[in-house]
Amino acid sequence: MLLTSFRVRKIEAPTNRLIAKCTITFDGMFAVSDIKVLLKEEGDYYMGMPSRKTAAGTFEDEAYPVNSDVRSVLEKILFAAVKYSVDNDIELLNGEIKVGTNKVSLLQQDIEDYQLTSI
């Protein structure tokens, strides 16, 4: 399985530390939207997965990485894209996997595998 594309929407007036919302697509067939990138107090980023509020008032993730290796790769790619978007003042950034990329697994992917374009 490969992360074939992503979209980063920079939040213009960050509130509650939310600086971007992302959508990712696997194998061009399955998308996960509403991934939040938040700024931690130390200045690092944090990835919040799509969640819903339960009847008990707690939040439950609706989609999430099944292990720390997958989370780490997704964070590495999305955080680099968000940083690029913020540094270059790009409101909407699209990343498409480059033609000829010979990666066969998500765990091998990096931000250099994507063609970045502003929309």
PDB file of N, CA and C in Angstrom:
ATOM      1  N   MET A   1       0.845  -1.173   0.000  1.00  0.00           N
ATOM      2  CA  MET A   1       0.000   0.000   0.000  1.00  0.00           C
ATOM      3  C   MET A   1       0.888   1.233   0.000  1.00  0.00           C
ATOM      4  N   LEU A   2       0.512   2.209  -0.824  1.00  0.00           N
ATOM      5  CA  LEU A   2       1.255   3.463  -0.924  1.00  0.00           C
ATOM      6  C   LEU A   2       0.350   4.651  -0.632  1.00  0.00           C
ATOM      7  N   LEU A   3       0.920   5.682  -0.086  1.00  0.00           N
ATOM      8  CA  LEU A   3       0.237   6.963   0.022  1.00  0.00           C
ATOM      9  C   LEU A   3       0.428   7.623  -1.340  1.00  0.00           C
ATOM     10  N   THR A   4      -0.632   7.685  -2.139  1.00  0.00           N
ATOM     11  CA  THR A   4      -0.497   8.174  -3.512  1.00  0.00           C
ATOM     12  C   THR A   4      -0.714   9.672  -3.646  1.00  0.00           C
ATOM     13  N   SER A   5      -1.443  10.276  -2.696  1.00  0.00           N
ATOM     14  CA  SER A   5      -1.617  11.731  -2.749  1.00  0.00           C
ATOM     15  C   SER A   5      -2.031  12.256  -1.387  1.00  0.00           C
ATOM     16  N   PHE A   6      -1.864  13.565  -1.241  1.00  0.00           N
ATOM     17  CA  PHE A   6      -2.338  14.228  -0.031  1.00  0.00           C
ATOM     18  C   PHE A   6      -2.679  15.657  -0.375  1.00  0.00           C
ATOM     19  N   ARG A   7      -3.486  16.264   0.461  1.00  0.00           N
ATOM     20  CA  ARG A   7      -3.845  17.672   0.319  1.00  0.00           C
ATOM     21  C   ARG A   7      -3.742  18.310   1.701  1.00  0.00           C
ATOM     22  N   VAL A   8      -3.108  19.467   1.752  1.00  0.00           N
ATOM     23  CA  VAL A   8      -2.933  20.206   3.000  1.00  0.00           C
ATOM     24  C   VAL A   8      -3.627  21.552   2.844  1.00  0.00           C
ATOM     25  N   ARG A   9      -4.568  21.844   3.728  1.00  0.00           N
ATOM     26  CA  ARG A   9      -5.225  23.154   3.755  1.00  0.00           C
ATOM     27  C   ARG A   9      -4.742  23.893   4.998  1.00  0.00           C
ATOM     28  N   LYS A  10      -3.967  24.949   4.746  1.00  0.00           N
ATOM     29  CA  LYS A  10      -3.428  25.750   5.845  1.00  0.00           C
ATOM     30  C   LYS A  10      -4.561  26.574   6.452  1.00  0.00           C
ATOM     31  N   ILE A  11      -4.625  26.610   7.777  1.00  0.00           N
ATOM     32  CA  ILE A  11      -5.622  27.412   8.482  1.00  0.00           C
ATOM     33  C   ILE A  11      -5.041  28.812   8.646  1.00  0.00           C
ATOM     34  N   GLU A  12      -5.699  29.812   8.060  1.00  0.00           N
ATOM     35  CA  GLU A  12      -5.164  31.181   8.038  1.00  0.00           C
ATOM     36  C   GLU A  12      -5.054  31.816   9.414  1.00  0.00           C
ATOM     37  N   ALA A  13      -6.086  31.683  10.227  1.00  0.00           N
ATOM     38  CA  ALA A  13      -6.052  32.264  11.575  1.00  0.00           C
ATOM     39  C   ALA A  13      -6.079  31.109  12.563  1.00  0.00           C
ATOM     40  N   PRO A  14      -4.916  30.525  12.848  1.00  0.00           N
ATOM     41  CA  PRO A  14      -4.885  29.341  13.711  1.00  0.00           C
ATOM     42  C   PRO A  14      -5.568  29.584  15.061  1.00  0.00           C
ATOM     43  N   THR A  15      -6.428  28.650  15.422  1.00  0.00           N
ATOM     44  CA  THR A  15      -7.088  28.691  16.719  1.00  0.00           C
ATOM     45  C   THR A  15      -6.874  27.358  17.405  1.00  0.00           C
ATOM     46  N   ASN A  16      -6.774  27.382  18.706  1.00  0.00           N
ATOM     47  CA  ASN A  16      -6.565  26.146  19.470  1.00  0.00           C
ATOM     48  C   ASN A  16      -5.388  25.344  18.929  1.00  0.00           C
ATOM     49  N   ARG A  17      -4.374  26.032  18.410  1.00  0.00           N
ATOM     50  CA  ARG A  17      -3.142  25.420  17.890  1.00  0.00           C
ATOM     51  C   ARG A  17      -3.322  24.683  16.560  1.00  0.00           C
ATOM     52  N   LEU A  18      -4.548  24.631  16.003  1.00  0.00           N
ATOM     53  CA  LEU A  18      -4.783  23.973  14.724  1.00  0.00           C
ATOM     54  C   LEU A  18      -4.185  24.824  13.612  1.00  0.00           C
ATOM     55  N   ILE A  19      -3.235  24.252  12.844  1.00  0.00           N
ATOM     56  CA  ILE A  19      -2.609  25.042  11.779  1.00  0.00           C
ATOM     57  C   ILE A  19      -2.915  24.502  10.383  1.00  0.00           C
ATOM     58  N   ALA A  20      -3.388  23.234  10.283  1.00  0.00           N
ATOM     59  CA  ALA A  20      -3.720  22.686   8.966  1.00  0.00           C
ATOM     60  C   ALA A  20      -4.652  21.494   9.108  1.00  0.00           C
ATOM     61  N   LYS A  21      -5.417  21.250   8.033  1.00  0.00           N
ATOM     62  CA  LYS A  21      -6.225  20.042   7.915  1.00  0.00           C
ATOM     63  C   LYS A  21      -5.776  19.332   6.645  1.00  0.00           C
ATOM     64  N   CYS A  22      -5.694  18.009   6.722  1.00  0.00           N
ATOM     65  CA  CYS A  22      -5.148  17.227   5.617  1.00  0.00           C
ATOM     66  C   CYS A  22      -6.100  16.103   5.200  1.00  0.00           C
ATOM     67  N   THR A  23      -5.975  15.715   3.942  1.00  0.00           N
ATOM     68  CA  THR A  23      -6.625  14.526   3.406  1.00  0.00           C
ATOM     69  C   THR A  23      -5.535  13.693   2.757  1.00  0.00           C
ATOM     70  N   ILE A  24      -5.542  12.393   3.013  1.00  0.00           N
ATOM     71  CA  ILE A  24      -4.572  11.491   2.406  1.00  0.00           C
ATOM     72  C   ILE A  24      -5.306  10.421   1.612  1.00  0.00           C
ATOM     73  N   THR A  25      -4.673   9.936   0.540  1.00  0.00           N
ATOM     74  CA  THR A  25      -5.268   8.897  -0.295  1.00  0.00           C
ATOM     75  C   THR A  25      -4.280   7.752  -0.455  1.00  0.00           C
ATOM     76  N   PHE A  26      -4.762   6.546  -0.213  1.00  0.00           N
ATOM     77  CA  PHE A  26      -3.953   5.340  -0.352  1.00  0.00           C
ATOM     78  C   PHE A  26      -4.298   4.628  -1.650  1.00  0.00           C
ATOM     79  N   ASP A  27      -3.264   4.273  -2.412  1.00  0.00           N
ATOM     80  CA  ASP A  27      -3.406   3.527  -3.662  1.00  0.00           C
ATOM     81  C   ASP A  27      -4.415   4.143  -4.624  1.00  0.00           C
ATOM     82  N   GLY A  28      -4.650   5.443  -4.510  1.00  0.00           N
ATOM     83  CA  GLY A  28      -5.595   6.126  -5.389  1.00  0.00           C
ATOM     84  C   GLY A  28      -7.026   5.653  -5.212  1.00  0.00           C
ATOM     85  N   MET A  29      -7.305   4.923  -4.108  1.00  0.00           N
ATOM     86  CA  MET A  29      -8.621   4.312  -3.950  1.00  0.00           C
ATOM     87  C   MET A  29      -9.290   4.572  -2.611  1.00  0.00           C
ATOM     88  N   PHE A  30      -8.554   4.926  -1.574  1.00  0.00           N
ATOM     89  CA  PHE A  30      -9.145   5.078  -0.250  1.00  0.00           C
ATOM     90  C   PHE A  30      -8.610   6.348   0.387  1.00  0.00           C
ATOM     91  N   ALA A  31      -9.523   7.256   0.757  1.00  0.00           N
ATOM     92  CA  ALA A  31      -9.115   8.543   1.321  1.00  0.00           C
ATOM     93  C   ALA A  31      -9.510   8.655   2.788  1.00  0.00           C
ATOM     94  N   VAL A  32      -8.674   9.344   3.539  1.00  0.00           N
ATOM     95  CA  VAL A  32      -8.969   9.679   4.927  1.00  0.00           C
ATOM     96  C   VAL A  32      -8.855  11.198   5.022  1.00  0.00           C
ATOM     97  N   SER A  33      -9.950  11.845   5.421  1.00  0.00           N
ATOM     98  CA  SER A  33      -9.939  13.303   5.518  1.00  0.00           C
ATOM     99  C   SER A  33     -10.046  13.742   6.971  1.00  0.00           C
ATOM    100  N   ASP A  34      -9.921  15.019   7.164  1.00  0.00           N
ATOM    101  CA  ASP A  34     -10.036  15.653   8.480  1.00  0.00           C
ATOM    102  C   ASP A  34      -8.912  15.251   9.433  1.00  0.00           C
ATOM    103  N   ILE A  35      -7.713  15.045   8.882  1.00  0.00           N
ATOM    104  CA  ILE A  35      -6.532  14.842   9.727  1.00  0.00           C
ATOM    105  C   ILE A  35      -6.045  16.231  10.123  1.00  0.00           C
ATOM    106  N   LYS A  36      -5.885  16.452  11.397  1.00  0.00           N
ATOM    107  CA  LYS A  36      -5.512  17.767  11.899  1.00  0.00           C
ATOM    108  C   LYS A  36      -4.028  17.808  12.251  1.00  0.00           C
ATOM    109  N   VAL A  37      -3.396  18.907  11.900  1.00  0.00           N
ATOM    110  CA  VAL A  37      -2.012  19.139  12.325  1.00  0.00           C
ATOM    111  C   VAL A  37      -2.059  20.318  13.285  1.00  0.00           C
ATOM    112  N   LEU A  38      -1.596  20.054  14.498  1.00  0.00           N
ATOM    113  CA  LEU A  38      -1.627  21.046  15.572  1.00  0.00           C
ATOM    114  C   LEU A  38      -0.205  21.399  15.985  1.00  0.00           C
ATOM    115  N   LEU A  39      -0.051  22.608  16.496  1.00  0.00           N
ATOM    116  CA  LEU A  39       1.246  23.064  16.973  1.00  0.00           C
ATOM    117  C   LEU A  39       1.307  22.856  18.479  1.00  0.00           C
ATOM    118  N   LYS A  40       2.304  22.081  18.922  1.00  0.00           N
ATOM    119  CA  LYS A  40       2.493  21.865  20.355  1.00  0.00           C
ATOM    120  C   LYS A  40       3.208  23.073  20.952  1.00  0.00           C
ATOM    121  N   GLU A  41       3.145  23.186  22.272  1.00  0.00           N
ATOM    122  CA  GLU A  41       3.763  24.325  22.957  1.00  0.00           C
ATOM    123  C   GLU A  41       5.259  24.425  22.674  1.00  0.00           C
ATOM    124  N   GLU A  42       5.923  23.288  22.493  1.00  0.00           N
ATOM    125  CA  GLU A  42       7.368  23.282  22.243  1.00  0.00           C
ATOM    126  C   GLU A  42       7.706  23.705  20.820  1.00  0.00           C
ATOM    127  N   GLY A  43       6.684  23.910  19.980  1.00  0.00           N
ATOM    128  CA  GLY A  43       6.912  24.298  18.597  1.00  0.00           C
ATOM    129  C   GLY A  43       6.881  23.134  17.624  1.00  0.00           C
ATOM    130  N   ASP A  44       6.777  21.907  18.130  1.00  0.00           N
ATOM    131  CA  ASP A  44       6.680  20.730  17.272  1.00  0.00           C
ATOM    132  C   ASP A  44       5.239  20.565  16.807  1.00  0.00           C
ATOM    133  N   TYR A  45       5.046  19.699  15.804  1.00  0.00           N
ATOM    134  CA  TYR A  45       3.712  19.396  15.298  1.00  0.00           C
ATOM    135  C   TYR A  45       3.167  18.128  15.951  1.00  0.00           C
ATOM    136  N   TYR A  46       1.854  18.043  15.952  1.00  0.00           N
ATOM    137  CA  TYR A  46       1.145  16.849  16.428  1.00  0.00           C
ATOM    138  C   TYR A  46       0.067  16.518  15.402  1.00  0.00           C
ATOM    139  N   MET A  47      -0.090  15.233  15.077  1.00  0.00           N
ATOM    140  CA  MET A  47      -1.100  14.799  14.117  1.00  0.00           C
ATOM    141  C   MET A  47      -2.307  14.237  14.863  1.00  0.00           C
ATOM    142  N   GLY A  48      -3.470  14.856  14.651  1.00  0.00           N
ATOM    143  CA  GLY A  48      -4.716  14.377  15.241  1.00  0.00           C
ATOM    144  C   GLY A  48      -5.555  13.703  14.169  1.00  0.00           C
ATOM    145  N   MET A  49      -5.920  12.478  14.414  1.00  0.00           N
ATOM    146  CA  MET A  49      -6.691  11.716  13.435  1.00  0.00           C
ATOM    147  C   MET A  49      -8.177  12.096  13.512  1.00  0.00           C
ATOM    148  N   PRO A  50      -8.944  11.796  12.454  1.00  0.00           N
ATOM    149  CA  PRO A  50     -10.383  12.112  12.462  1.00  0.00           C
ATOM    150  C   PRO A  50     -11.056  11.410  13.646  1.00  0.00           C
ATOM    151  N   SER A  51     -11.906  12.147  14.348  1.00  0.00           N
ATOM    152  CA  SER A  51     -12.550  11.574  15.523  1.00  0.00           C
ATOM    153  C   SER A  51     -13.984  12.076  15.632  1.00  0.00           C
ATOM    154  N   ARG A  52     -14.723  11.427  16.498  1.00  0.00           N
ATOM    155  CA  ARG A  52     -16.100  11.843  16.760  1.00  0.00           C
ATOM    156  C   ARG A  52     -16.316  11.841  18.270  1.00  0.00           C
ATOM    157  N   LYS A  53     -17.272  12.640  18.690  1.00  0.00           N
ATOM    158  CA  LYS A  53     -17.600  12.731  20.107  1.00  0.00           C
ATOM    159  C   LYS A  53     -18.612  11.641  20.445  1.00  0.00           C
ATOM    160  N   THR A  54     -18.329  10.878  21.490  1.00  0.00           N
ATOM    161  CA  THR A  54     -19.227   9.799  21.912  1.00  0.00           C
ATOM    162  C   THR A  54     -20.334  10.363  22.804  1.00  0.00           C
ATOM    163  N   ALA A  55     -21.325   9.539  23.084  1.00  0.00           N
ATOM    164  CA  ALA A  55     -22.424   9.936  23.963  1.00  0.00           C
ATOM    165  C   ALA A  55     -21.909  10.283  25.365  1.00  0.00           C
ATOM    166  N   ALA A  56     -20.797   9.670  25.747  1.00  0.00           N
ATOM    167  CA  ALA A  56     -20.205   9.930  27.067  1.00  0.00           C
ATOM    168  C   ALA A  56     -19.402  11.233  27.100  1.00  0.00           C
ATOM    169  N   GLY A  57     -19.261  11.885  25.933  1.00  0.00           N
ATOM    170  CA  GLY A  57     -18.539  13.151  25.886  1.00  0.00           C
ATOM    171  C   GLY A  57     -17.057  13.026  25.606  1.00  0.00           C
ATOM    172  N   THR A  58     -16.573  11.805  25.384  1.00  0.00           N
ATOM    173  CA  THR A  58     -15.165  11.609  25.037  1.00  0.00           C
ATOM    174  C   THR A  58     -15.030  11.542  23.519  1.00  0.00           C
ATOM    175  N   PHE A  59     -13.803  11.636  23.044  1.00  0.00           N
ATOM    176  CA  PHE A  59     -13.562  11.561  21.607  1.00  0.00           C
ATOM    177  C   PHE A  59     -12.937  10.219  21.263  1.00  0.00           C
ATOM    178  N   GLU A  60     -13.359   9.681  20.113  1.00  0.00           N
ATOM    179  CA  GLU A  60     -12.901   8.380  19.654  1.00  0.00           C
ATOM    180  C   GLU A  60     -12.412   8.509  18.215  1.00  0.00           C
ATOM    181  N   ASP A  61     -11.187   8.047  17.941  1.00  0.00           N
ATOM    182  CA  ASP A  61     -10.661   8.100  16.572  1.00  0.00           C
ATOM    183  C   ASP A  61     -11.503   7.226  15.660  1.00  0.00           C
ATOM    184  N   GLU A  62     -11.793   7.755  14.454  1.00  0.00           N
ATOM    185  CA  GLU A  62     -12.536   6.988  13.460  1.00  0.00           C
ATOM    186  C   GLU A  62     -11.602   6.243  12.513  1.00  0.00           C
ATOM    187  N   ALA A  63     -10.437   6.778  12.284  1.00  0.00           N
ATOM    188  CA  ALA A  63      -9.410   6.148  11.453  1.00  0.00           C
ATOM    189  C   ALA A  63      -8.078   6.476  12.105  1.00  0.00           C
ATOM    190  N   TYR A  64      -7.151   5.527  12.061  1.00  0.00           N
ATOM    191  CA  TYR A  64      -5.878   5.757  12.735  1.00  0.00           C
ATOM    192  C   TYR A  64      -4.832   4.761  12.241  1.00  0.00           C
ATOM    193  N   PRO A  65      -3.540   5.136  12.337  1.00  0.00           N
ATOM    194  CA  PRO A  65      -2.471   4.203  11.995  1.00  0.00           C
ATOM    195  C   PRO A  65      -2.474   3.044  13.000  1.00  0.00           C
ATOM    196  N   VAL A  66      -2.217   1.839  12.507  1.00  0.00           N
ATOM    197  CA  VAL A  66      -2.295   0.674  13.391  1.00  0.00           C
ATOM    198  C   VAL A  66      -1.013   0.431  14.177  1.00  0.00           C
ATOM    199  N   ASN A  67       0.071   1.109  13.814  1.00  0.00           N
ATOM    200  CA  ASN A  67       1.297   0.974  14.601  1.00  0.00           C
ATOM    201  C   ASN A  67       2.133   2.250  14.490  1.00  0.00           C
ATOM    202  N   SER A  68       3.155   2.328  15.313  1.00  0.00           N
ATOM    203  CA  SER A  68       3.965   3.546  15.383  1.00  0.00           C
ATOM    204  C   SER A  68       4.787   3.783  14.115  1.00  0.00           C
ATOM    205  N   ASP A  69       5.160   2.725  13.389  1.00  0.00           N
ATOM    206  CA  ASP A  69       5.917   2.907  12.143  1.00  0.00           C
ATOM    207  C   ASP A  69       5.084   3.640  11.098  1.00  0.00           C
ATOM    208  N   VAL A  70       3.820   3.242  10.963  1.00  0.00           N
ATOM    209  CA  VAL A  70       2.928   3.887   9.993  1.00  0.00           C
ATOM    210  C   VAL A  70       2.670   5.335  10.412  1.00  0.00           C
ATOM    211  N   ARG A  71       2.403   5.547  11.692  1.00  0.00           N
ATOM    212  CA  ARG A  71       2.182   6.912  12.196  1.00  0.00           C
ATOM    213  C   ARG A  71       3.404   7.780  11.914  1.00  0.00           C
ATOM    214  N   SER A  72       4.583   7.245  12.140  1.00  0.00           N
ATOM    215  CA  SER A  72       5.818   7.999  11.944  1.00  0.00           C
ATOM    216  C   SER A  72       5.989   8.435  10.487  1.00  0.00           C
ATOM    217  N   VAL A  73       5.715   7.545   9.533  1.00  0.00           N
ATOM    218  CA  VAL A  73       5.852   7.888   8.114  1.00  0.00           C
ATOM    219  C   VAL A  73       4.823   8.952   7.724  1.00  0.00           C
ATOM    220  N   LEU A  74       3.573   8.770   8.154  1.00  0.00           N
ATOM    221  CA  LEU A  74       2.539   9.760   7.837  1.00  0.00           C
ATOM    222  C   LEU A  74       2.895  11.116   8.428  1.00  0.00           C
ATOM    223  N   GLU A  75       3.373  11.131   9.669  1.00  0.00           N
ATOM    224  CA  GLU A  75       3.775  12.390  10.293  1.00  0.00           C
ATOM    225  C   GLU A  75       4.931  13.033   9.531  1.00  0.00           C
ATOM    226  N   LYS A  76       5.915  12.247   9.166  1.00  0.00           N
ATOM    227  CA  LYS A  76       7.087  12.781   8.459  1.00  0.00           C
ATOM    228  C   LYS A  76       6.657  13.471   7.155  1.00  0.00           C
ATOM    229  N   ILE A  77       5.789  12.817   6.396  1.00  0.00           N
ATOM    230  CA  ILE A  77       5.348  13.368   5.112  1.00  0.00           C
ATOM    231  C   ILE A  77       4.443  14.584   5.319  1.00  0.00           C
ATOM    232  N   LEU A  78       3.429  14.446   6.171  1.00  0.00           N
ATOM    233  CA  LEU A  78       2.480  15.549   6.366  1.00  0.00           C
ATOM    234  C   LEU A  78       3.121  16.750   7.058  1.00  0.00           C
ATOM    235  N   PHE A  79       3.973  16.520   8.045  1.00  0.00           N
ATOM    236  CA  PHE A  79       4.621  17.642   8.728  1.00  0.00           C
ATOM    237  C   PHE A  79       5.532  18.406   7.774  1.00  0.00           C
ATOM    238  N   ALA A  80       6.241  17.697   6.901  1.00  0.00           N
ATOM    239  CA  ALA A  80       7.095  18.372   5.910  1.00  0.00           C
ATOM    240  C   ALA A  80       6.236  19.190   4.946  1.00  0.00           C
ATOM    241  N   ALA A  81       5.087  18.646   4.549  1.00  0.00           N
ATOM    242  CA  ALA A  81       4.189  19.363   3.642  1.00  0.00           C
ATOM    243  C   ALA A  81       3.594  20.596   4.324  1.00  0.00           C
ATOM    244  N   VAL A  82       3.201  20.465   5.580  1.00  0.00           N
ATOM    245  CA  VAL A  82       2.654  21.607   6.314  1.00  0.00           C
ATOM    246  C   VAL A  82       3.724  22.686   6.476  1.00  0.00           C
ATOM    247  N   LYS A  83       4.934  22.298   6.830  1.00  0.00           N
ATOM    248  CA  LYS A  83       6.027  23.261   6.975  1.00  0.00           C
ATOM    249  C   LYS A  83       6.268  23.988   5.649  1.00  0.00           C
ATOM    250  N   TYR A  84       6.267  23.247   4.533  1.00  0.00           N
ATOM    251  CA  TYR A  84       6.441  23.843   3.209  1.00  0.00           C
ATOM    252  C   TYR A  84       5.314  24.842   2.937  1.00  0.00           C
ATOM    253  N   SER A  85       4.092  24.455   3.264  1.00  0.00           N
ATOM    254  CA  SER A  85       2.926  25.310   3.054  1.00  0.00           C
ATOM    255  C   SER A  85       3.020  26.592   3.882  1.00  0.00           C
ATOM    256  N   VAL A  86       3.396  26.462   5.140  1.00  0.00           N
ATOM    257  CA  VAL A  86       3.517  27.625   6.027  1.00  0.00           C
ATOM    258  C   VAL A  86       4.670  28.521   5.574  1.00  0.00           C
ATOM    259  N   ASP A  87       5.832  27.922   5.313  1.00  0.00           N
ATOM    260  CA  ASP A  87       7.018  28.698   4.918  1.00  0.00           C
ATOM    261  C   ASP A  87       6.810  29.462   3.611  1.00  0.00           C
ATOM    262  N   ASN A  88       6.005  28.892   2.700  1.00  0.00           N
ATOM    263  CA  ASN A  88       5.793  29.509   1.389  1.00  0.00           C
ATOM    264  C   ASN A  88       4.432  30.182   1.261  1.00  0.00           C
ATOM    265  N   ASP A  89       3.719  30.307   2.381  1.00  0.00           N
ATOM    266  CA  ASP A  89       2.410  30.959   2.433  1.00  0.00           C
ATOM    267  C   ASP A  89       1.459  30.397   1.370  1.00  0.00           C
ATOM    268  N   ILE A  90       1.346  29.073   1.352  1.00  0.00           N
ATOM    269  CA  ILE A  90       0.463  28.387   0.409  1.00  0.00           C
ATOM    270  C   ILE A  90      -0.771  27.915   1.175  1.00  0.00           C
ATOM    271  N   GLU A  91      -1.945  28.404   0.751  1.00  0.00           N
ATOM    272  CA  GLU A  91      -3.182  28.059   1.458  1.00  0.00           C
ATOM    273  C   GLU A  91      -3.591  26.610   1.224  1.00  0.00           C
ATOM    274  N   LEU A  92      -3.467  26.139  -0.028  1.00  0.00           N
ATOM    275  CA  LEU A  92      -3.867  24.777  -0.358  1.00  0.00           C
ATOM    276  C   LEU A  92      -2.752  24.112  -1.159  1.00  0.00           C
ATOM    277  N   LEU A  93      -2.171  23.059  -0.589  1.00  0.00           N
ATOM    278  CA  LEU A  93      -1.037  22.362  -1.195  1.00  0.00           C
ATOM    279  C   LEU A  93      -1.456  20.943  -1.544  1.00  0.00           C
ATOM    280  N   ASN A  94      -1.128  20.537  -2.756  1.00  0.00           N
ATOM    281  CA  ASN A  94      -1.445  19.196  -3.212  1.00  0.00           C
ATOM    282  C   ASN A  94      -0.147  18.431  -3.438  1.00  0.00           C
ATOM    283  N   GLY A  95      -0.107  17.184  -3.007  1.00  0.00           N
ATOM    284  CA  GLY A  95       1.056  16.334  -3.238  1.00  0.00           C
ATOM    285  C   GLY A  95       0.617  15.079  -3.974  1.00  0.00           C
ATOM    286  N   GLU A  96       1.213  14.833  -5.135  1.00  0.00           N
ATOM    287  CA  GLU A  96       0.926  13.633  -5.926  1.00  0.00           C
ATOM    288  C   GLU A  96       2.204  12.833  -6.052  1.00  0.00           C
ATOM    289  N   ILE A  97       2.091  11.519  -5.908  1.00  0.00           N
ATOM    290  CA  ILE A  97       3.272  10.674  -6.011  1.00  0.00           C
ATOM    291  C   ILE A  97       3.876  10.844  -7.406  1.00  0.00           C
ATOM    292  N   LYS A  98       5.192  10.973  -7.472  1.00  0.00           N
ATOM    293  CA  LYS A  98       5.874  11.190  -8.742  1.00  0.00           C
ATOM    294  C   LYS A  98       5.818   9.924  -9.595  1.00  0.00           C
ATOM    295  N   VAL A  99       5.662  10.122 -10.890  1.00  0.00           N
ATOM    296  CA  VAL A  99       5.678   9.000 -11.829  1.00  0.00           C
ATOM    297  C   VAL A  99       7.051   8.355 -11.777  1.00  0.00           C
ATOM    298  N   GLY A 100       7.087   7.046 -11.745  1.00  0.00           N
ATOM    299  CA  GLY A 100       8.354   6.326 -11.717  1.00  0.00           C
ATOM    300  C   GLY A 100       8.891   6.068 -10.326  1.00  0.00           C
ATOM    301  N   THR A 101       8.164   6.511  -9.299  1.00  0.00           N
ATOM    302  CA  THR A 101       8.602   6.221  -7.937  1.00  0.00           C
ATOM    303  C   THR A 101       8.577   4.716  -7.745  1.00  0.00           C
ATOM    304  N   ASN A 102       9.687   4.155  -7.309  1.00  0.00           N
ATOM    305  CA  ASN A 102       9.788   2.692  -7.228  1.00  0.00           C
ATOM    306  C   ASN A 102       9.533   2.152  -5.826  1.00  0.00           C
ATOM    307  N   LYS A 103       8.904   2.937  -4.984  1.00  0.00           N
ATOM    308  CA  LYS A 103       8.593   2.466  -3.638  1.00  0.00           C
ATOM    309  C   LYS A 103       7.445   1.460  -3.717  1.00  0.00           C
ATOM    310  N   VAL A 104       7.504   0.438  -2.901  1.00  0.00           N
ATOM    311  CA  VAL A 104       6.452  -0.583  -2.903  1.00  0.00           C
ATOM    312  C   VAL A 104       5.677  -0.617  -1.594  1.00  0.00           C
ATOM    313  N   SER A 105       6.102   0.188  -0.623  1.00  0.00           N
ATOM    314  CA  SER A 105       5.456   0.187   0.681  1.00  0.00           C
ATOM    315  C   SER A 105       5.412   1.598   1.245  1.00  0.00           C
ATOM    316  N   LEU A 106       4.354   1.905   1.955  1.00  0.00           N
ATOM    317  CA  LEU A 106       4.225   3.184   2.642  1.00  0.00           C
ATOM    318  C   LEU A 106       5.428   3.437   3.548  1.00  0.00           C
ATOM    319  N   LEU A 107       5.941   2.392   4.168  1.00  0.00           N
ATOM    320  CA  LEU A 107       7.042   2.551   5.120  1.00  0.00           C
ATOM    321  C   LEU A 107       8.335   3.017   4.465  1.00  0.00           C
ATOM    322  N   GLN A 108       8.420   2.941   3.133  1.00  0.00           N
ATOM    323  CA  GLN A 108       9.603   3.397   2.402  1.00  0.00           C
ATOM    324  C   GLN A 108       9.465   4.833   1.899  1.00  0.00           C
ATOM    325  N   GLN A 109       8.295   5.417   2.022  1.00  0.00           N
ATOM    326  CA  GLN A 109       8.030   6.717   1.404  1.00  0.00           C
ATOM    327  C   GLN A 109       8.563   7.891   2.217  1.00  0.00           C
ATOM    328  N   ASP A 110       8.807   8.997   1.485  1.00  0.00           N
ATOM    329  CA  ASP A 110       9.303  10.236   2.064  1.00  0.00           C
ATOM    330  C   ASP A 110       8.727  11.387   1.253  1.00  0.00           C
ATOM    331  N   ILE A 111       8.839  12.610   1.741  1.00  0.00           N
ATOM    332  CA  ILE A 111       8.274  13.779   1.063  1.00  0.00           C
ATOM    333  C   ILE A 111       8.875  13.964  -0.335  1.00  0.00           C
ATOM    334  N   GLU A 112      10.110  13.505  -0.561  1.00  0.00           N
ATOM    335  CA  GLU A 112      10.743  13.647  -1.878  1.00  0.00           C
ATOM    336  C   GLU A 112      10.059  12.801  -2.955  1.00  0.00           C
ATOM    337  N   ASP A 113       9.189  11.880  -2.567  1.00  0.00           N
ATOM    338  CA  ASP A 113       8.480  11.033  -3.523  1.00  0.00           C
ATOM    339  C   ASP A 113       7.287  11.755  -4.167  1.00  0.00           C
ATOM    340  N   TYR A 114       7.034  13.000  -3.781  1.00  0.00           N
ATOM    341  CA  TYR A 114       5.820  13.710  -4.211  1.00  0.00           C
ATOM    342  C   TYR A 114       6.131  14.973  -4.981  1.00  0.00           C
ATOM    343  N   GLN A 115       5.296  15.235  -5.965  1.00  0.00           N
ATOM    344  CA  GLN A 115       5.313  16.498  -6.692  1.00  0.00           C
ATOM    345  C   GLN A 115       4.361  17.436  -5.955  1.00  0.00           C
ATOM    346  N   LEU A 116       4.870  18.557  -5.448  1.00  0.00           N
ATOM    347  CA  LEU A 116       4.045  19.486  -4.677  1.00  0.00           C
ATOM    348  C   LEU A 116       3.586  20.629  -5.569  1.00  0.00           C
ATOM    349  N   THR A 117       2.294  20.939  -5.506  1.00  0.00           N
ATOM    350  CA  THR A 117       1.750  22.053  -6.270  1.00  0.00           C
ATOM    351  C   THR A 117       0.761  22.829  -5.410  1.00  0.00           C
ATOM    352  N   SER A 118       0.747  24.129  -5.571  1.00  0.00           N
ATOM    353  CA  SER A 118      -0.248  24.942  -4.873  1.00  0.00           C
ATOM    354  C   SER A 118      -1.497  24.995  -5.750  1.00  0.00           C
ATOM    355  N   ILE A 119      -2.626  25.021  -5.078  1.00  0.00           N
ATOM    356  CA  ILE A 119      -3.909  25.010  -5.801  1.00  0.00           C
ATOM    357  C   ILE A 119      -4.610  26.328  -5.560  1.00  0.00           C
TER     358      ILE A 119
END
